[in-house]
Amino acid sequence: MHQRTRPLHSPVPHTAALTTGLLALAGLFTAGAQTTTAASHTPGTAYRAVMEAARTLGPVKMTTTDTGAPLLTGETDGLKYGIIFSGCDARGEQCEDMRLVSYWDAYPARDLNTWNRTKFVGRAFLDDDGTTLDLWVSLAGGLTAQQIGDVLDWWNVALTDFASYLEELK
């Protein structure tokens, strides 16, 4: 097992299409419940709150993507990950969603499909550079510190379980 490092400043393949599709799907489920308009945009979650919570897992650094969106890079139990924010306000602080990612060497699609069928948190897939584990989270409307902590706890479980799973494949 080898966790690879991909520059998180580069756009991840299919990220825009994935985000658009997930947002469209979320819109189907919430369209009837929402009465707000685009002019009354609900604030998202401050990336700084996510950064503070992520520090409980280990060291975290804040940078920005090529487009100026907040980007956190961290490490937990020797495993590297990134948190890419999008849908942020003009100051880049309140964001509508985040994508937690970790990159690995390529593994067979059948093994990644087994992971996806048997695990509820963390989606594994192949791209041009190898294997990616990710978790997309909506921040629209804001998350409490407890909710952020819960998301990061689940990410930590998924990340460490995925590393163990890949080790067993050897």
C-alpha atoms as a PDB file:
ATOM      1  CA  MET A   1       0.000   0.000   0.000  1.00  0.00           C
ATOM      2  CA  HIS A   2       1.317   3.390  -0.866  1.00  0.00           C
ATOM      3  CA  GLN A   3      -0.511   6.590  -0.300  1.00  0.00           C
ATOM      4  CA  ARG A   4       0.359   8.942  -3.097  1.00  0.00           C
ATOM      5  CA  THR A   5       0.475  12.674  -2.945  1.00  0.00           C
ATOM      6  CA  ARG A   6      -1.303  14.590  -5.667  1.00  0.00           C
ATOM      7  CA  PRO A   7      -1.173  18.367  -5.649  1.00  0.00           C
ATOM      8  CA  LEU A   8      -4.518  19.405  -4.240  1.00  0.00           C
ATOM      9  CA  HIS A   9      -4.221  22.750  -6.013  1.00  0.00           C
ATOM     10  CA  SER A  10      -5.042  20.995  -9.269  1.00  0.00           C
ATOM     11  CA  PRO A  11      -8.684  20.384 -10.057  1.00  0.00           C
ATOM     12  CA  VAL A  12      -9.664  16.788  -9.337  1.00  0.00           C
ATOM     13  CA  PRO A  13     -11.079  15.093 -12.470  1.00  0.00           C
ATOM     14  CA  HIS A  14     -14.865  15.063 -12.614  1.00  0.00           C
ATOM     15  CA  THR A  15     -15.164  17.275  -9.502  1.00  0.00           C
ATOM     16  CA  ALA A  16     -17.394  19.853 -11.200  1.00  0.00           C
ATOM     17  CA  ALA A  17     -19.625  17.222 -12.758  1.00  0.00           C
ATOM     18  CA  LEU A  18     -19.811  15.281  -9.491  1.00  0.00           C
ATOM     19  CA  THR A  19     -20.622  18.373  -7.455  1.00  0.00           C
ATOM     20  CA  THR A  20     -23.220  19.519  -9.984  1.00  0.00           C
ATOM     21  CA  GLY A  21     -24.856  16.090  -9.994  1.00  0.00           C
ATOM     22  CA  LEU A  22     -24.903  15.808  -6.208  1.00  0.00           C
ATOM     23  CA  LEU A  23     -26.283  19.313  -5.821  1.00  0.00           C
ATOM     24  CA  ALA A  24     -28.974  18.595  -8.403  1.00  0.00           C
ATOM     25  CA  LEU A  25     -29.895  15.397  -6.567  1.00  0.00           C
ATOM     26  CA  ALA A  26     -29.982  17.226  -3.241  1.00  0.00           C
ATOM     27  CA  GLY A  27     -32.197  19.845  -4.844  1.00  0.00           C
ATOM     28  CA  LEU A  28     -34.736  17.173  -5.782  1.00  0.00           C
ATOM     29  CA  PHE A  29     -35.096  16.165  -2.157  1.00  0.00           C
ATOM     30  CA  THR A  30     -35.199  19.667  -0.713  1.00  0.00           C
ATOM     31  CA  ALA A  31     -37.062  21.603  -3.415  1.00  0.00           C
ATOM     32  CA  GLY A  32     -40.403  21.229  -1.688  1.00  0.00           C
ATOM     33  CA  ALA A  33     -39.034  22.196   1.719  1.00  0.00           C
ATOM     34  CA  GLN A  34     -37.155  25.328   0.654  1.00  0.00           C
ATOM     35  CA  THR A  35     -38.891  28.664   0.509  1.00  0.00           C
ATOM     36  CA  THR A  36     -35.782  30.836   0.243  1.00  0.00           C
ATOM     37  CA  THR A  37     -34.657  32.602  -2.901  1.00  0.00           C
ATOM     38  CA  ALA A  38     -31.190  33.127  -4.331  1.00  0.00           C
ATOM     39  CA  ALA A  39     -31.261  36.653  -2.899  1.00  0.00           C
ATOM     40  CA  SER A  40     -31.714  35.281   0.640  1.00  0.00           C
ATOM     41  CA  HIS A  41     -28.764  32.880   0.445  1.00  0.00           C
ATOM     42  CA  THR A  42     -28.326  30.859   3.636  1.00  0.00           C
ATOM     43  CA  PRO A  43     -24.780  31.113   4.969  1.00  0.00           C
ATOM     44  CA  GLY A  44     -22.646  28.015   4.850  1.00  0.00           C
ATOM     45  CA  THR A  45     -20.051  26.834   7.329  1.00  0.00           C
ATOM     46  CA  ALA A  46     -16.837  28.680   8.042  1.00  0.00           C
ATOM     47  CA  TYR A  47     -13.815  26.717   6.828  1.00  0.00           C
ATOM     48  CA  ARG A  48     -12.014  27.956   9.952  1.00  0.00           C
ATOM     49  CA  ALA A  49     -14.410  25.929  12.119  1.00  0.00           C
ATOM     50  CA  VAL A  50     -13.574  22.840  10.065  1.00  0.00           C
ATOM     51  CA  MET A  51      -9.846  23.600  10.378  1.00  0.00           C
ATOM     52  CA  GLU A  52     -10.104  23.872  14.172  1.00  0.00           C
ATOM     53  CA  ALA A  53     -11.977  20.580  14.394  1.00  0.00           C
ATOM     54  CA  ALA A  54      -9.510  18.875  12.008  1.00  0.00           C
ATOM     55  CA  ARG A  55      -6.671  19.745  14.376  1.00  0.00           C
ATOM     56  CA  THR A  56      -8.032  17.076  16.718  1.00  0.00           C
ATOM     57  CA  LEU A  57      -6.955  14.509  14.095  1.00  0.00           C
ATOM     58  CA  GLY A  58      -3.439  15.902  13.669  1.00  0.00           C
ATOM     59  CA  PRO A  59      -1.575  18.740  11.981  1.00  0.00           C
ATOM     60  CA  VAL A  60      -3.516  20.831   9.460  1.00  0.00           C
ATOM     61  CA  LYS A  61      -2.362  23.568   7.076  1.00  0.00           C
ATOM     62  CA  MET A  62      -4.543  26.080   5.261  1.00  0.00           C
ATOM     63  CA  THR A  63      -3.850  27.237   1.726  1.00  0.00           C
ATOM     64  CA  THR A  64      -6.061  28.039  -1.242  1.00  0.00           C
ATOM     65  CA  THR A  65      -6.839  26.326  -4.529  1.00  0.00           C
ATOM     66  CA  ASP A  66      -5.944  27.833  -7.889  1.00  0.00           C
ATOM     67  CA  THR A  67      -9.365  29.502  -7.870  1.00  0.00           C
ATOM     68  CA  GLY A  68      -8.863  30.983  -4.390  1.00  0.00           C
ATOM     69  CA  ALA A  69     -11.126  28.580  -2.474  1.00  0.00           C
ATOM     70  CA  PRO A  70      -9.941  27.432   0.960  1.00  0.00           C
ATOM     71  CA  LEU A  71      -7.970  24.182   1.002  1.00  0.00           C
ATOM     72  CA  LEU A  72      -6.886  22.303   4.102  1.00  0.00           C
ATOM     73  CA  THR A  73      -4.216  19.622   4.064  1.00  0.00           C
ATOM     74  CA  GLY A  74      -3.834  17.386   7.059  1.00  0.00           C
ATOM     75  CA  GLU A  75      -2.489  14.157   8.405  1.00  0.00           C
ATOM     76  CA  THR A  76      -3.934  11.625  10.816  1.00  0.00           C
ATOM     77  CA  ASP A  77      -2.124   8.489  11.957  1.00  0.00           C
ATOM     78  CA  GLY A  78       0.403   9.033   9.146  1.00  0.00           C
ATOM     79  CA  LEU A  79      -2.330   9.234   6.481  1.00  0.00           C
ATOM     80  CA  LYS A  80      -2.513  12.405   4.397  1.00  0.00           C
ATOM     81  CA  TYR A  81      -5.771  13.982   3.300  1.00  0.00           C
ATOM     82  CA  GLY A  82      -7.164  17.211   1.930  1.00  0.00           C
ATOM     83  CA  ILE A  83     -10.378  19.152   2.411  1.00  0.00           C
ATOM     84  CA  ILE A  84     -11.414  21.134  -0.651  1.00  0.00           C
ATOM     85  CA  PHE A  85     -14.116  23.772  -0.076  1.00  0.00           C
ATOM     86  CA  SER A  86     -16.444  25.204  -2.716  1.00  0.00           C
ATOM     87  CA  GLY A  87     -19.414  27.526  -2.976  1.00  0.00           C
ATOM     88  CA  CYS A  88     -17.674  29.989  -0.673  1.00  0.00           C
ATOM     89  CA  ASP A  89     -18.658  33.622  -0.178  1.00  0.00           C
ATOM     90  CA  ALA A  90     -16.651  36.481  -1.695  1.00  0.00           C
ATOM     91  CA  ARG A  91     -14.243  36.443   1.259  1.00  0.00           C
ATOM     92  CA  GLY A  92     -13.774  32.693   0.871  1.00  0.00           C
ATOM     93  CA  GLU A  93     -14.977  32.058   4.392  1.00  0.00           C
ATOM     94  CA  GLN A  94     -18.544  30.718   4.438  1.00  0.00           C
ATOM     95  CA  CYS A  95     -18.739  27.666   2.173  1.00  0.00           C
ATOM     96  CA  GLU A  96     -21.594  25.531   0.876  1.00  0.00           C
ATOM     97  CA  ASP A  97     -19.767  22.217   0.653  1.00  0.00           C
ATOM     98  CA  MET A  98     -16.510  20.423   1.238  1.00  0.00           C
ATOM     99  CA  ARG A  99     -14.904  17.348  -0.218  1.00  0.00           C
ATOM    100  CA  LEU A 100     -12.510  15.315   1.902  1.00  0.00           C
ATOM    101  CA  VAL A 101     -10.001  13.429  -0.269  1.00  0.00           C
ATOM    102  CA  SER A 102      -7.067  11.063   0.009  1.00  0.00           C
ATOM    103  CA  TYR A 103      -5.009   9.676  -2.861  1.00  0.00           C
ATOM    104  CA  TRP A 104      -3.473   6.207  -3.237  1.00  0.00           C
ATOM    105  CA  ASP A 105      -1.701   4.052  -5.794  1.00  0.00           C
ATOM    106  CA  ALA A 106      -4.008   2.353  -8.290  1.00  0.00           C
ATOM    107  CA  TYR A 107      -5.880  -0.719  -7.086  1.00  0.00           C
ATOM    108  CA  PRO A 108      -8.140  -2.988  -9.147  1.00  0.00           C
ATOM    109  CA  ALA A 109     -11.637  -1.637  -9.741  1.00  0.00           C
ATOM    110  CA  ARG A 110     -13.181  -4.866  -8.421  1.00  0.00           C
ATOM    111  CA  ASP A 111     -11.504  -4.270  -5.039  1.00  0.00           C
ATOM    112  CA  LEU A 112     -12.698  -0.666  -4.932  1.00  0.00           C
ATOM    113  CA  ASN A 113     -16.205  -1.805  -5.887  1.00  0.00           C
ATOM    114  CA  THR A 114     -16.129  -4.266  -2.977  1.00  0.00           C
ATOM    115  CA  TRP A 115     -15.191  -1.407  -0.662  1.00  0.00           C
ATOM    116  CA  ASN A 116     -18.035   0.729  -1.986  1.00  0.00           C
ATOM    117  CA  ARG A 117     -20.584  -2.092  -1.617  1.00  0.00           C
ATOM    118  CA  THR A 118     -19.596  -2.865   1.976  1.00  0.00           C
ATOM    119  CA  LYS A 119     -18.838   0.574   3.459  1.00  0.00           C
ATOM    120  CA  PHE A 120     -21.179   3.466   4.102  1.00  0.00           C
ATOM    121  CA  VAL A 121     -18.632   6.275   4.438  1.00  0.00           C
ATOM    122  CA  GLY A 122     -15.915   7.049   1.916  1.00  0.00           C
ATOM    123  CA  ARG A 123     -16.259   6.417  -1.798  1.00  0.00           C
ATOM    124  CA  ALA A 124     -13.309   4.808  -3.582  1.00  0.00           C
ATOM    125  CA  PHE A 125     -12.685   5.137  -7.305  1.00  0.00           C
ATOM    126  CA  LEU A 126      -9.980   5.042  -9.958  1.00  0.00           C
ATOM    127  CA  ASP A 127      -8.941   8.113 -11.882  1.00  0.00           C
ATOM    128  CA  ASP A 128      -6.045   8.822 -14.248  1.00  0.00           C
ATOM    129  CA  ASP A 129      -3.578   9.073 -11.349  1.00  0.00           C
ATOM    130  CA  GLY A 130      -4.619   6.105  -9.213  1.00  0.00           C
ATOM    131  CA  THR A 131      -7.130   5.521  -6.424  1.00  0.00           C
ATOM    132  CA  THR A 132      -9.066   8.276  -4.664  1.00  0.00           C
ATOM    133  CA  LEU A 133     -11.063   8.000  -1.455  1.00  0.00           C
ATOM    134  CA  ASP A 134     -13.471  10.881  -0.921  1.00  0.00           C
ATOM    135  CA  LEU A 135     -16.416  12.108   1.094  1.00  0.00           C
ATOM    136  CA  TRP A 136     -18.647  14.988  -0.037  1.00  0.00           C
ATOM    137  CA  VAL A 137     -20.435  16.985   2.674  1.00  0.00           C
ATOM    138  CA  SER A 138     -23.009  19.758   2.325  1.00  0.00           C
ATOM    139  CA  LEU A 139     -22.278  22.741   4.558  1.00  0.00           C
ATOM    140  CA  ALA A 140     -25.295  24.750   3.390  1.00  0.00           C
ATOM    141  CA  GLY A 141     -27.182  26.243   6.291  1.00  0.00           C
ATOM    142  CA  GLY A 142     -24.194  25.771   8.551  1.00  0.00           C
ATOM    143  CA  LEU A 143     -22.991  22.898  10.703  1.00  0.00           C
ATOM    144  CA  THR A 144     -22.524  22.986  14.466  1.00  0.00           C
ATOM    145  CA  ALA A 145     -19.143  22.232  16.010  1.00  0.00           C
ATOM    146  CA  GLN A 146     -20.561  18.833  17.046  1.00  0.00           C
ATOM    147  CA  GLN A 147     -21.682  18.063  13.490  1.00  0.00           C
ATOM    148  CA  ILE A 148     -18.284  19.054  12.073  1.00  0.00           C
ATOM    149  CA  GLY A 149     -16.602  16.847  14.661  1.00  0.00           C
ATOM    150  CA  ASP A 150     -18.873  13.942  13.735  1.00  0.00           C
ATOM    151  CA  VAL A 151     -18.062  14.318  10.018  1.00  0.00           C
ATOM    152  CA  LEU A 152     -14.335  14.359  10.747  1.00  0.00           C
ATOM    153  CA  ASP A 153     -14.629  11.365  13.075  1.00  0.00           C
ATOM    154  CA  TRP A 154     -16.371   9.404  10.304  1.00  0.00           C
ATOM    155  CA  TRP A 155     -13.730  10.534   7.789  1.00  0.00           C
ATOM    156  CA  ASN A 156     -10.979   9.357  10.142  1.00  0.00           C
ATOM    157  CA  VAL A 157     -12.685   5.960  10.473  1.00  0.00           C
ATOM    158  CA  ALA A 158     -13.100   5.674   6.686  1.00  0.00           C
ATOM    159  CA  LEU A 159      -9.502   6.730   6.032  1.00  0.00           C
ATOM    160  CA  THR A 160      -7.938   4.316   8.524  1.00  0.00           C
ATOM    161  CA  ASP A 161     -10.286   1.471   7.507  1.00  0.00           C
ATOM    162  CA  PHE A 162      -9.447   2.086   3.852  1.00  0.00           C
ATOM    163  CA  ALA A 163      -5.714   1.977   4.583  1.00  0.00           C
ATOM    164  CA  SER A 164      -6.207  -1.350   6.413  1.00  0.00           C
ATOM    165  CA  TYR A 165      -8.353  -2.678   3.587  1.00  0.00           C
ATOM    166  CA  LEU A 166      -5.688  -1.838   1.007  1.00  0.00           C
ATOM    167  CA  GLU A 167      -3.013  -3.437   3.190  1.00  0.00           C
ATOM    168  CA  GLU A 168      -5.056  -6.665   3.289  1.00  0.00           C
ATOM    169  CA  LEU A 169      -5.170  -6.697  -0.519  1.00  0.00           C
ATOM    170  CA  LYS A 170      -1.423  -7.157  -0.743  1.00  0.00           C
END
